[in-house]
Amino acid sequence: MKKKKLTAEIQPSVGEYRAGSARILKGNIYTLSCFVSGPDESWTKEEKKQMLKKLRESLLWLEKQARRYNVSVNFDAKGVYWLEKDIKLPTIVRGTGSGNEPVDWVQKLLYKVGYSSTLDFIDWVTKNTNCTNTQVLIFVKGKGRSYAIPTTTKHNKERYFVEGAVLYQKYSTGREKPSAPIAHEILHLYGAWDLYETFKQSAENAQRAKKRYPNSIMLRSSVNNIDVLEVDEISAWRVGWNTNPKDWYTTFEPNKPFTRNKK
């Protein structure tokens, strides 16, 4: 029987999460960055430097936000593949927010850079660092809507255990992306939900979130100054920072009907 292709649309954002390489947003975390482009375009060295600067800004912001919840997060351990030249792909899929984007980027890129197995990469991180969580960030030249690739216990371990995010250089409009979308997608890897309207999240929940958490990075992330944003209490619970959840948090779960008698 032909195996069904896994896409972002059928990739659950909830369920048996904390099942992959990015389990809980605490302690030492290893970040691998990859720069990818298609056959007719390439990153410049200056563009890569600017993107890595935005990455540093987003990681420092996440560490600062964690301290608000008395949690320690350390992103000092990092690696970059092919900083001098790009990882070239014959075609580049542009994210659109449809939920049909491919979710095999991490597996393909780890094979392309020389790992015989994605779990070999995890073995390397375990043996060579003191990190307990690992994330792969794929920076893609050009336009597109960024998205995260989390996993659950239902997914093939070799293909999807190593979790990552696809981060396009620019928005679909052509505007350069600031640092906040990087932090937004990283939070998704650890279980945070979108609080704005999506193909999964309801307009009603988005309106409720806007009233409660107008500055949540899971509600809006296109601002140029990341410091005006925050990790709200629901997202903090999802990523493991807030250990005192309220019953109504689950009413914001994507694809879950809102019960009006819960406040």
C-alpha atoms as a PDB file:
ATOM      1  CA  MET A   1       0.000   0.000   0.000  1.00  0.00           C
ATOM      2  CA  LYS A   2       1.332   3.423  -0.931  1.00  0.00           C
ATOM      3  CA  LYS A   3       2.342   5.466   2.108  1.00  0.00           C
ATOM      4  CA  LYS A   4       0.401   8.697   2.512  1.00  0.00           C
ATOM      5  CA  LYS A   5       2.516  11.813   2.230  1.00  0.00           C
ATOM      6  CA  LEU A   6       2.689  13.703   5.500  1.00  0.00           C
ATOM      7  CA  THR A   7       1.973  17.418   5.137  1.00  0.00           C
ATOM      8  CA  ALA A   8       1.578  20.284   7.535  1.00  0.00           C
ATOM      9  CA  GLU A   9      -2.201  19.917   7.242  1.00  0.00           C
ATOM     10  CA  ILE A  10      -2.289  16.461   8.825  1.00  0.00           C
ATOM     11  CA  GLN A  11       0.673  17.042  11.124  1.00  0.00           C
ATOM     12  CA  PRO A  12      -0.986  17.395  14.537  1.00  0.00           C
ATOM     13  CA  SER A  13       0.053  20.380  16.663  1.00  0.00           C
ATOM     14  CA  VAL A  14      -1.278  18.668  19.782  1.00  0.00           C
ATOM     15  CA  GLY A  15      -1.736  15.133  21.056  1.00  0.00           C
ATOM     16  CA  GLU A  16       1.311  13.116  21.988  1.00  0.00           C
ATOM     17  CA  TYR A  17       3.646  16.076  21.689  1.00  0.00           C
ATOM     18  CA  ARG A  18       7.052  16.411  23.375  1.00  0.00           C
ATOM     19  CA  ALA A  19       7.930  13.318  21.381  1.00  0.00           C
ATOM     20  CA  GLY A  20      10.845  14.547  19.292  1.00  0.00           C
ATOM     21  CA  SER A  21      14.147  16.366  19.606  1.00  0.00           C
ATOM     22  CA  ALA A  22      12.523  19.570  20.945  1.00  0.00           C
ATOM     23  CA  ARG A  23      10.655  18.325  23.985  1.00  0.00           C
ATOM     24  CA  ILE A  24      10.631  21.070  26.579  1.00  0.00           C
ATOM     25  CA  LEU A  25      11.989  24.606  26.372  1.00  0.00           C
ATOM     26  CA  LYS A  26      14.366  24.392  29.324  1.00  0.00           C
ATOM     27  CA  GLY A  27      18.056  23.900  29.950  1.00  0.00           C
ATOM     28  CA  ASN A  28      20.684  23.683  27.226  1.00  0.00           C
ATOM     29  CA  ILE A  29      19.375  23.599  23.662  1.00  0.00           C
ATOM     30  CA  TYR A  30      21.388  22.926  20.518  1.00  0.00           C
ATOM     31  CA  THR A  31      20.454  24.938  17.429  1.00  0.00           C
ATOM     32  CA  LEU A  32      21.588  23.906  13.960  1.00  0.00           C
ATOM     33  CA  SER A  33      21.102  26.524  11.229  1.00  0.00           C
ATOM     34  CA  CYS A  34      21.092  25.698   7.514  1.00  0.00           C
ATOM     35  CA  PHE A  35      21.012  28.141   4.597  1.00  0.00           C
ATOM     36  CA  VAL A  36      19.085  26.873   1.590  1.00  0.00           C
ATOM     37  CA  SER A  37      18.416  28.291  -1.858  1.00  0.00           C
ATOM     38  CA  GLY A  38      17.081  27.233  -5.243  1.00  0.00           C
ATOM     39  CA  PRO A  39      19.009  26.864  -8.504  1.00  0.00           C
ATOM     40  CA  ASP A  40      18.592  30.493  -9.622  1.00  0.00           C
ATOM     41  CA  GLU A  41      19.344  32.376  -6.395  1.00  0.00           C
ATOM     42  CA  SER A  42      21.841  32.383  -3.546  1.00  0.00           C
ATOM     43  CA  TRP A  43      22.307  33.953  -0.153  1.00  0.00           C
ATOM     44  CA  THR A  44      25.025  36.599   0.074  1.00  0.00           C
ATOM     45  CA  LYS A  45      27.446  36.507   3.000  1.00  0.00           C
ATOM     46  CA  GLU A  46      25.984  39.761   4.288  1.00  0.00           C
ATOM     47  CA  GLU A  47      22.441  38.371   4.144  1.00  0.00           C
ATOM     48  CA  LYS A  48      23.538  35.333   6.131  1.00  0.00           C
ATOM     49  CA  LYS A  49      25.219  37.538   8.726  1.00  0.00           C
ATOM     50  CA  GLN A  50      22.052  39.582   9.070  1.00  0.00           C
ATOM     51  CA  MET A  51      19.913  36.473   9.448  1.00  0.00           C
ATOM     52  CA  LEU A  52      22.228  35.048  12.111  1.00  0.00           C
ATOM     53  CA  LYS A  53      22.037  38.390  13.902  1.00  0.00           C
ATOM     54  CA  LYS A  54      18.245  38.104  13.919  1.00  0.00           C
ATOM     55  CA  LEU A  55      18.569  34.543  15.199  1.00  0.00           C
ATOM     56  CA  ARG A  56      20.770  35.672  18.096  1.00  0.00           C
ATOM     57  CA  GLU A  57      18.260  38.394  18.925  1.00  0.00           C
ATOM     58  CA  SER A  58      15.366  35.927  18.964  1.00  0.00           C
ATOM     59  CA  LEU A  59      17.242  33.417  21.128  1.00  0.00           C
ATOM     60  CA  LEU A  60      18.288  36.072  23.653  1.00  0.00           C
ATOM     61  CA  TRP A  61      14.676  37.236  23.791  1.00  0.00           C
ATOM     62  CA  LEU A  62      13.470  33.687  24.496  1.00  0.00           C
ATOM     63  CA  GLU A  63      16.032  33.323  27.299  1.00  0.00           C
ATOM     64  CA  LYS A  64      14.815  36.616  28.755  1.00  0.00           C
ATOM     65  CA  GLN A  65      11.169  35.566  28.510  1.00  0.00           C
ATOM     66  CA  ALA A  66      11.946  32.271  30.250  1.00  0.00           C
ATOM     67  CA  ARG A  67      13.409  34.172  33.198  1.00  0.00           C
ATOM     68  CA  ARG A  68      10.024  35.877  33.636  1.00  0.00           C
ATOM     69  CA  TYR A  69       8.736  32.418  34.576  1.00  0.00           C
ATOM     70  CA  ASN A  70      11.828  31.591  36.673  1.00  0.00           C
ATOM     71  CA  VAL A  71      13.050  29.126  34.062  1.00  0.00           C
ATOM     72  CA  SER A  72      16.580  28.828  32.702  1.00  0.00           C
ATOM     73  CA  VAL A  73      17.075  28.386  28.941  1.00  0.00           C
ATOM     74  CA  ASN A  74      20.495  28.454  27.287  1.00  0.00           C
ATOM     75  CA  PHE A  75      20.986  28.607  23.506  1.00  0.00           C
ATOM     76  CA  ASP A  76      24.784  28.992  23.540  1.00  0.00           C
ATOM     77  CA  ALA A  77      25.356  25.706  21.679  1.00  0.00           C
ATOM     78  CA  LYS A  78      24.964  26.384  17.951  1.00  0.00           C
ATOM     79  CA  GLY A  79      26.124  25.131  14.588  1.00  0.00           C
ATOM     80  CA  VAL A  80      25.825  26.417  11.024  1.00  0.00           C
ATOM     81  CA  TYR A  81      25.982  24.252   7.905  1.00  0.00           C
ATOM     82  CA  TRP A  82      27.434  25.639   4.717  1.00  0.00           C
ATOM     83  CA  LEU A  83      27.980  29.230   5.844  1.00  0.00           C
ATOM     84  CA  GLU A  84      30.346  29.816   2.916  1.00  0.00           C
ATOM     85  CA  LYS A  85      27.912  28.461   0.333  1.00  0.00           C
ATOM     86  CA  ASP A  86      24.266  27.450   0.260  1.00  0.00           C
ATOM     87  CA  ILE A  87      22.667  24.042   0.373  1.00  0.00           C
ATOM     88  CA  LYS A  88      21.186  23.990  -3.116  1.00  0.00           C
ATOM     89  CA  LEU A  89      17.834  22.365  -3.870  1.00  0.00           C
ATOM     90  CA  PRO A  90      16.375  21.827  -7.364  1.00  0.00           C
ATOM     91  CA  THR A  91      13.088  23.399  -6.302  1.00  0.00           C
ATOM     92  CA  ILE A  92      11.954  25.488  -3.349  1.00  0.00           C
ATOM     93  CA  VAL A  93       8.441  25.112  -1.974  1.00  0.00           C
ATOM     94  CA  ARG A  94       7.079  28.464  -0.802  1.00  0.00           C
ATOM     95  CA  GLY A  95       5.082  28.377   2.408  1.00  0.00           C
ATOM     96  CA  THR A  96       1.615  29.889   2.112  1.00  0.00           C
ATOM     97  CA  GLY A  97      -0.046  29.027   5.429  1.00  0.00           C
ATOM     98  CA  SER A  98      -2.344  26.532   3.709  1.00  0.00           C
ATOM     99  CA  GLY A  99      -1.273  23.603   5.873  1.00  0.00           C
ATOM    100  CA  ASN A 100      -0.204  21.631   2.804  1.00  0.00           C
ATOM    101  CA  GLU A 101       3.481  22.507   2.999  1.00  0.00           C
ATOM    102  CA  PRO A 102       5.966  19.594   3.023  1.00  0.00           C
ATOM    103  CA  VAL A 103       7.342  18.559   6.413  1.00  0.00           C
ATOM    104  CA  ASP A 104      10.319  16.459   5.310  1.00  0.00           C
ATOM    105  CA  TRP A 105      12.798  19.356   5.049  1.00  0.00           C
ATOM    106  CA  VAL A 106      14.823  18.396   8.129  1.00  0.00           C
ATOM    107  CA  GLN A 107      15.280  14.774   7.103  1.00  0.00           C
ATOM    108  CA  LYS A 108      16.281  15.689   3.543  1.00  0.00           C
ATOM    109  CA  LEU A 109      18.787  18.324   4.602  1.00  0.00           C
ATOM    110  CA  LEU A 110      20.464  16.155   7.229  1.00  0.00           C
ATOM    111  CA  TYR A 111      20.925  13.448   4.599  1.00  0.00           C
ATOM    112  CA  LYS A 112      22.230  16.043   2.141  1.00  0.00           C
ATOM    113  CA  VAL A 113      24.912  17.325   4.494  1.00  0.00           C
ATOM    114  CA  GLY A 114      26.186  13.827   5.169  1.00  0.00           C
ATOM    115  CA  TYR A 115      24.255  12.100   7.937  1.00  0.00           C
ATOM    116  CA  SER A 116      23.224   8.539   7.112  1.00  0.00           C
ATOM    117  CA  SER A 117      20.379   8.840   9.616  1.00  0.00           C
ATOM    118  CA  THR A 118      18.653  11.724  11.341  1.00  0.00           C
ATOM    119  CA  LEU A 119      19.235   9.870  14.603  1.00  0.00           C
ATOM    120  CA  ASP A 120      22.984   9.929  13.862  1.00  0.00           C
ATOM    121  CA  PHE A 121      22.729  13.697  14.164  1.00  0.00           C
ATOM    122  CA  ILE A 122      21.049  13.354  17.561  1.00  0.00           C
ATOM    123  CA  ASP A 123      23.818  10.963  18.636  1.00  0.00           C
ATOM    124  CA  TRP A 124      26.401  13.583  17.646  1.00  0.00           C
ATOM    125  CA  VAL A 125      24.636  16.275  19.681  1.00  0.00           C
ATOM    126  CA  THR A 126      24.382  13.948  22.690  1.00  0.00           C
ATOM    127  CA  LYS A 127      28.069  12.975  22.563  1.00  0.00           C
ATOM    128  CA  ASN A 128      29.494  16.407  21.796  1.00  0.00           C
ATOM    129  CA  THR A 129      27.313  18.789  23.783  1.00  0.00           C
ATOM    130  CA  ASN A 130      25.495  18.914  27.104  1.00  0.00           C
ATOM    131  CA  CYS A 131      22.197  19.753  25.411  1.00  0.00           C
ATOM    132  CA  THR A 132      18.971  17.924  26.170  1.00  0.00           C
ATOM    133  CA  ASN A 133      16.973  19.400  23.272  1.00  0.00           C
ATOM    134  CA  THR A 134      17.821  19.964  19.617  1.00  0.00           C
ATOM    135  CA  GLN A 135      16.237  22.105  16.907  1.00  0.00           C
ATOM    136  CA  VAL A 136      17.064  22.627  13.229  1.00  0.00           C
ATOM    137  CA  LEU A 137      16.363  26.013  11.657  1.00  0.00           C
ATOM    138  CA  ILE A 138      16.220  26.087   7.856  1.00  0.00           C
ATOM    139  CA  PHE A 139      16.706  29.576   6.441  1.00  0.00           C
ATOM    140  CA  VAL A 140      15.350  29.703   2.905  1.00  0.00           C
ATOM    141  CA  LYS A 141      16.355  32.379   0.402  1.00  0.00           C
ATOM    142  CA  GLY A 142      13.439  34.414  -0.942  1.00  0.00           C
ATOM    143  CA  LYS A 143       9.771  34.809  -0.082  1.00  0.00           C
ATOM    144  CA  GLY A 144       7.385  32.541   1.802  1.00  0.00           C
ATOM    145  CA  ARG A 145       5.374  31.996   4.962  1.00  0.00           C
ATOM    146  CA  SER A 146       7.492  30.347   7.645  1.00  0.00           C
ATOM    147  CA  TYR A 147       6.257  27.276   9.495  1.00  0.00           C
ATOM    148  CA  ALA A 148       7.331  24.825  12.179  1.00  0.00           C
ATOM    149  CA  ILE A 149       7.686  21.064  11.842  1.00  0.00           C
ATOM    150  CA  PRO A 150       6.917  19.472  15.232  1.00  0.00           C
ATOM    151  CA  THR A 151       6.317  15.768  15.698  1.00  0.00           C
ATOM    152  CA  THR A 152       4.221  13.418  17.804  1.00  0.00           C
ATOM    153  CA  THR A 153       4.563   9.828  18.942  1.00  0.00           C
ATOM    154  CA  LYS A 154       2.428   8.787  15.962  1.00  0.00           C
ATOM    155  CA  HIS A 155       5.105   9.725  13.440  1.00  0.00           C
ATOM    156  CA  ASN A 156       8.028   7.770  12.017  1.00  0.00           C
ATOM    157  CA  LYS A 157      10.998   8.384  14.327  1.00  0.00           C
ATOM    158  CA  GLU A 158      13.690   8.351  11.650  1.00  0.00           C
ATOM    159  CA  ARG A 159      11.814  10.827   9.472  1.00  0.00           C
ATOM    160  CA  TYR A 160      10.365  13.206  12.013  1.00  0.00           C
ATOM    161  CA  PHE A 161      12.130  12.871  15.394  1.00  0.00           C
ATOM    162  CA  VAL A 162      14.460  15.778  14.610  1.00  0.00           C
ATOM    163  CA  GLU A 163      12.212  18.831  14.778  1.00  0.00           C
ATOM    164  CA  GLY A 164      12.760  22.086  12.978  1.00  0.00           C
ATOM    165  CA  ALA A 165      11.337  25.160  11.319  1.00  0.00           C
ATOM    166  CA  VAL A 166      11.378  26.506   7.766  1.00  0.00           C
ATOM    167  CA  LEU A 167      12.147  30.229   7.885  1.00  0.00           C
ATOM    168  CA  TYR A 168      11.918  32.247   4.691  1.00  0.00           C
ATOM    169  CA  GLN A 169      14.058  35.348   4.251  1.00  0.00           C
ATOM    170  CA  LYS A 170      11.125  37.570   3.318  1.00  0.00           C
ATOM    171  CA  TYR A 171       7.372  37.746   3.677  1.00  0.00           C
ATOM    172  CA  SER A 172       5.290  36.991   0.594  1.00  0.00           C
ATOM    173  CA  THR A 173       4.982  40.751   0.107  1.00  0.00           C
ATOM    174  CA  GLY A 174       8.752  41.054  -0.247  1.00  0.00           C
ATOM    175  CA  ARG A 175       9.296  42.701   3.132  1.00  0.00           C
ATOM    176  CA  GLU A 176      12.335  41.512   5.094  1.00  0.00           C
ATOM    177  CA  LYS A 177      11.386  39.435   8.130  1.00  0.00           C
ATOM    178  CA  PRO A 178      12.400  40.656  11.589  1.00  0.00           C
ATOM    179  CA  SER A 179      13.602  38.419  14.416  1.00  0.00           C
ATOM    180  CA  ALA A 180      10.210  37.772  16.050  1.00  0.00           C
ATOM    181  CA  PRO A 181       9.013  35.144  13.522  1.00  0.00           C
ATOM    182  CA  ILE A 182      12.061  33.030  14.367  1.00  0.00           C
ATOM    183  CA  ALA A 183      11.122  32.947  18.059  1.00  0.00           C
ATOM    184  CA  HIS A 184       7.482  32.333  17.106  1.00  0.00           C
ATOM    185  CA  GLU A 185       8.339  29.194  15.112  1.00  0.00           C
ATOM    186  CA  ILE A 186      10.734  27.924  17.790  1.00  0.00           C
ATOM    187  CA  LEU A 187       7.926  28.161  20.353  1.00  0.00           C
ATOM    188  CA  HIS A 188       5.769  26.035  18.034  1.00  0.00           C
ATOM    189  CA  LEU A 189       8.353  23.255  18.196  1.00  0.00           C
ATOM    190  CA  TYR A 190       7.834  23.030  21.952  1.00  0.00           C
ATOM    191  CA  GLY A 191       4.036  22.985  21.768  1.00  0.00           C
ATOM    192  CA  ALA A 192       2.869  26.606  21.599  1.00  0.00           C
ATOM    193  CA  TRP A 193      -0.345  27.222  19.673  1.00  0.00           C
ATOM    194  CA  ASP A 194      -1.072  29.970  17.168  1.00  0.00           C
ATOM    195  CA  LEU A 195      -3.413  32.501  18.759  1.00  0.00           C
ATOM    196  CA  TYR A 196      -4.271  34.273  15.513  1.00  0.00           C
ATOM    197  CA  GLU A 197      -6.765  32.913  13.004  1.00  0.00           C
ATOM    198  CA  THR A 198      -5.395  30.090  10.838  1.00  0.00           C
ATOM    199  CA  PHE A 199      -6.759  27.061   9.016  1.00  0.00           C
ATOM    200  CA  LYS A 200      -6.753  25.416  12.465  1.00  0.00           C
ATOM    201  CA  GLN A 201      -7.298  28.280  14.904  1.00  0.00           C
ATOM    202  CA  SER A 202     -10.755  29.867  14.995  1.00  0.00           C
ATOM    203  CA  ALA A 203     -11.536  33.544  14.480  1.00  0.00           C
ATOM    204  CA  GLU A 204     -13.380  33.504  17.815  1.00  0.00           C
ATOM    205  CA  ASN A 205     -10.293  32.283  19.663  1.00  0.00           C
ATOM    206  CA  ALA A 206      -8.187  34.878  17.868  1.00  0.00           C
ATOM    207  CA  GLN A 207     -10.490  37.651  19.091  1.00  0.00           C
ATOM    208  CA  ARG A 208     -10.396  36.306  22.650  1.00  0.00           C
ATOM    209  CA  ALA A 209      -6.604  36.130  22.517  1.00  0.00           C
ATOM    210  CA  LYS A 210      -6.382  39.682  21.187  1.00  0.00           C
ATOM    211  CA  LYS A 211      -8.271  40.947  24.246  1.00  0.00           C
ATOM    212  CA  ARG A 212      -6.329  38.887  26.772  1.00  0.00           C
ATOM    213  CA  TYR A 213      -2.848  38.866  25.232  1.00  0.00           C
ATOM    214  CA  PRO A 214      -2.520  41.710  22.712  1.00  0.00           C
ATOM    215  CA  ASN A 215       1.280  41.484  22.819  1.00  0.00           C
ATOM    216  CA  SER A 216       1.646  37.710  22.623  1.00  0.00           C
ATOM    217  CA  ILE A 217       4.206  36.592  20.070  1.00  0.00           C
ATOM    218  CA  MET A 218       1.841  33.748  19.186  1.00  0.00           C
ATOM    219  CA  LEU A 219      -0.787  36.340  18.211  1.00  0.00           C
ATOM    220  CA  ARG A 220       1.449  38.705  16.247  1.00  0.00           C
ATOM    221  CA  SER A 221       5.082  38.429  15.240  1.00  0.00           C
ATOM    222  CA  SER A 222       5.563  40.829  12.327  1.00  0.00           C
ATOM    223  CA  VAL A 223       6.682  43.753  14.499  1.00  0.00           C
ATOM    224  CA  ASN A 224      10.200  45.082  14.026  1.00  0.00           C
ATOM    225  CA  ASN A 225      10.902  45.376  17.760  1.00  0.00           C
ATOM    226  CA  ILE A 226      10.647  41.965  19.399  1.00  0.00           C
ATOM    227  CA  ASP A 227      10.918  43.517  22.865  1.00  0.00           C
ATOM    228  CA  VAL A 228       7.325  44.830  22.686  1.00  0.00           C
ATOM    229  CA  LEU A 229       6.141  41.198  22.598  1.00  0.00           C
ATOM    230  CA  GLU A 230       5.866  38.540  25.291  1.00  0.00           C
ATOM    231  CA  VAL A 231       5.248  34.838  25.812  1.00  0.00           C
ATOM    232  CA  ASP A 232       1.716  34.691  27.194  1.00  0.00           C
ATOM    233  CA  GLU A 233       0.723  32.377  30.048  1.00  0.00           C
ATOM    234  CA  ILE A 234      -0.938  29.787  27.778  1.00  0.00           C
ATOM    235  CA  SER A 235       2.105  29.496  25.528  1.00  0.00           C
ATOM    236  CA  ALA A 236       4.348  29.401  28.600  1.00  0.00           C
ATOM    237  CA  TRP A 237       2.314  26.439  29.859  1.00  0.00           C
ATOM    238  CA  ARG A 238       2.601  24.656  26.522  1.00  0.00           C
ATOM    239  CA  VAL A 239       6.400  24.975  26.358  1.00  0.00           C
ATOM    240  CA  GLY A 240       6.915  23.937  29.974  1.00  0.00           C
ATOM    241  CA  TRP A 241       7.462  27.273  31.729  1.00  0.00           C
ATOM    242  CA  ASN A 242       4.104  27.760  33.437  1.00  0.00           C
ATOM    243  CA  THR A 243       3.396  24.855  35.788  1.00  0.00           C
ATOM    244  CA  ASN A 244       0.128  26.243  37.148  1.00  0.00           C
ATOM    245  CA  PRO A 245      -2.306  25.998  34.232  1.00  0.00           C
ATOM    246  CA  LYS A 246      -5.906  27.156  34.407  1.00  0.00           C
ATOM    247  CA  ASP A 247      -8.742  24.971  33.152  1.00  0.00           C
ATOM    248  CA  TRP A 248      -9.731  27.412  30.420  1.00  0.00           C
ATOM    249  CA  TYR A 249      -6.312  27.290  28.707  1.00  0.00           C
ATOM    250  CA  THR A 250      -7.469  24.298  26.676  1.00  0.00           C
ATOM    251  CA  THR A 251     -10.306  26.323  25.156  1.00  0.00           C
ATOM    252  CA  PHE A 252      -7.652  27.932  22.951  1.00  0.00           C
ATOM    253  CA  GLU A 253      -6.586  24.583  21.521  1.00  0.00           C
ATOM    254  CA  PRO A 254      -6.713  24.686  17.700  1.00  0.00           C
ATOM    255  CA  ASN A 255      -9.470  22.631  16.086  1.00  0.00           C
ATOM    256  CA  LYS A 256     -11.299  22.382  19.412  1.00  0.00           C
ATOM    257  CA  PRO A 257     -14.799  23.889  19.715  1.00  0.00           C
ATOM    258  CA  PHE A 258     -14.994  26.801  22.145  1.00  0.00           C
ATOM    259  CA  THR A 259     -17.289  26.226  25.131  1.00  0.00           C
ATOM    260  CA  ARG A 260     -18.835  29.537  26.144  1.00  0.00           C
ATOM    261  CA  ASN A 261     -19.340  28.700  29.816  1.00  0.00           C
ATOM    262  CA  LYS A 262     -15.550  28.569  30.251  1.00  0.00           C
ATOM    263  CA  LYS A 263     -13.888  31.932  30.841  1.00  0.00           C
END
